[in-house]
Amino acid sequence: MSLGKTFNITERHTLRFQWDTYNITNAVRFDVGTISNYLFYSATLGEYSQTLTHPRIMQFGLRYSF
């Protein structure tokens, strides 16, 4: 998701502010290749050790055009 706003400073100069967000819902996808299924009596049976997705990331940008 991205939001941006452009401000006109003069006729030929502009300033753009932009906000980008990746993985906006912060959804998690687990890596099924890392599921622990060693022993049936283990306390870690069925636990995932890694995810496929990254956490929510936000970045801000400022661009001056002339």
C-alpha atoms as a PDB file:
ATOM      1  CA  MET A   1       0.000   0.000   0.000  1.00  0.00           C
ATOM      2  CA  SER A   2       1.275   3.439  -0.814  1.00  0.00           C
ATOM      3  CA  LEU A   3       0.174   6.992  -0.071  1.00  0.00           C
ATOM      4  CA  GLY A   4       1.677  10.120  -1.549  1.00  0.00           C
ATOM      5  CA  LYS A   5       1.201  13.865  -1.640  1.00  0.00           C
ATOM      6  CA  THR A   6       2.811  16.349  -4.033  1.00  0.00           C
ATOM      7  CA  PHE A   7       3.382  19.947  -2.961  1.00  0.00           C
ATOM      8  CA  ASN A   8       4.062  22.633  -5.570  1.00  0.00           C
ATOM      9  CA  ILE A   9       6.704  25.021  -4.229  1.00  0.00           C
ATOM     10  CA  THR A  10       7.030  27.142  -7.357  1.00  0.00           C
ATOM     11  CA  GLU A  11       5.963  26.650 -10.943  1.00  0.00           C
ATOM     12  CA  ARG A  12       8.872  24.307 -11.706  1.00  0.00           C
ATOM     13  CA  HIS A  13       9.778  22.995  -8.240  1.00  0.00           C
ATOM     14  CA  THR A  14       7.801  20.246  -6.492  1.00  0.00           C
ATOM     15  CA  LEU A  15       8.197  18.274  -3.294  1.00  0.00           C
ATOM     16  CA  ARG A  16       6.681  14.789  -3.045  1.00  0.00           C
ATOM     17  CA  PHE A  17       6.155  12.925   0.221  1.00  0.00           C
ATOM     18  CA  GLN A  18       5.460   9.195  -0.058  1.00  0.00           C
ATOM     19  CA  TRP A  19       4.687   6.469   2.491  1.00  0.00           C
ATOM     20  CA  ASP A  20       4.959   2.816   1.420  1.00  0.00           C
ATOM     21  CA  THR A  21       3.897  -0.180   3.501  1.00  0.00           C
ATOM     22  CA  TYR A  22       4.661  -3.807   2.690  1.00  0.00           C
ATOM     23  CA  ASN A  23       2.681  -6.688   4.245  1.00  0.00           C
ATOM     24  CA  ILE A  24       0.072  -4.238   5.525  1.00  0.00           C
ATOM     25  CA  THR A  25      -1.979  -6.936   7.258  1.00  0.00           C
ATOM     26  CA  ASN A  26       1.142  -8.408   8.899  1.00  0.00           C
ATOM     27  CA  ALA A  27       0.008 -11.876   7.775  1.00  0.00           C
ATOM     28  CA  VAL A  28       2.274 -14.817   8.572  1.00  0.00           C
ATOM     29  CA  ARG A  29       2.922 -17.786   6.262  1.00  0.00           C
ATOM     30  CA  PHE A  30       4.835 -20.626   7.867  1.00  0.00           C
ATOM     31  CA  ASP A  31       7.429 -22.722   6.043  1.00  0.00           C
ATOM     32  CA  VAL A  32       6.055 -26.273   6.013  1.00  0.00           C
ATOM     33  CA  GLY A  33       9.544 -27.641   5.371  1.00  0.00           C
ATOM     34  CA  THR A  34      10.626 -26.631   8.873  1.00  0.00           C
ATOM     35  CA  ILE A  35       7.890 -28.395  10.846  1.00  0.00           C
ATOM     36  CA  SER A  36       9.252 -30.569  13.630  1.00  0.00           C
ATOM     37  CA  ASN A  37       7.997 -34.131  13.449  1.00  0.00           C
ATOM     38  CA  TYR A  38      10.889 -35.959  15.076  1.00  0.00           C
ATOM     39  CA  LEU A  39       9.230 -37.853  17.884  1.00  0.00           C
ATOM     40  CA  PHE A  40       5.591 -38.314  18.730  1.00  0.00           C
ATOM     41  CA  TYR A  41       6.226 -37.743  22.439  1.00  0.00           C
ATOM     42  CA  SER A  42       8.328 -34.567  21.905  1.00  0.00           C
ATOM     43  CA  ALA A  43       7.159 -31.210  23.289  1.00  0.00           C
ATOM     44  CA  THR A  44       7.997 -29.523  19.967  1.00  0.00           C
ATOM     45  CA  LEU A  45       5.930 -31.815  17.767  1.00  0.00           C
ATOM     46  CA  GLY A  46       4.255 -29.800  15.014  1.00  0.00           C
ATOM     47  CA  GLU A  47       6.049 -26.502  15.696  1.00  0.00           C
ATOM     48  CA  TYR A  48       7.324 -24.385  12.817  1.00  0.00           C
ATOM     49  CA  SER A  49      10.788 -22.847  13.113  1.00  0.00           C
ATOM     50  CA  GLN A  50      10.716 -20.395  10.153  1.00  0.00           C
ATOM     51  CA  THR A  51       8.308 -18.219   8.200  1.00  0.00           C
ATOM     52  CA  LEU A  52       8.112 -17.460   4.487  1.00  0.00           C
ATOM     53  CA  THR A  53       6.948 -13.862   4.858  1.00  0.00           C
ATOM     54  CA  HIS A  54       8.605 -10.764   6.232  1.00  0.00           C
ATOM     55  CA  PRO A  55       7.081  -8.641   9.001  1.00  0.00           C
ATOM     56  CA  ARG A  56       5.344  -5.359   8.234  1.00  0.00           C
ATOM     57  CA  ILE A  57       7.797  -2.897   6.711  1.00  0.00           C
ATOM     58  CA  MET A  58       7.194   0.838   6.283  1.00  0.00           C
ATOM     59  CA  GLN A  59       9.292   3.369   4.433  1.00  0.00           C
ATOM     60  CA  PHE A  60       9.004   7.091   3.930  1.00  0.00           C
ATOM     61  CA  GLY A  61      10.323   9.053   0.987  1.00  0.00           C
ATOM     62  CA  LEU A  62      10.828  12.695   0.148  1.00  0.00           C
ATOM     63  CA  ARG A  63      11.571  13.762  -3.427  1.00  0.00           C
ATOM     64  CA  TYR A  64      12.478  17.212  -4.568  1.00  0.00           C
ATOM     65  CA  SER A  65      12.073  17.813  -8.325  1.00  0.00           C
ATOM     66  CA  PHE A  66      13.323  20.850 -10.210  1.00  0.00           C
END
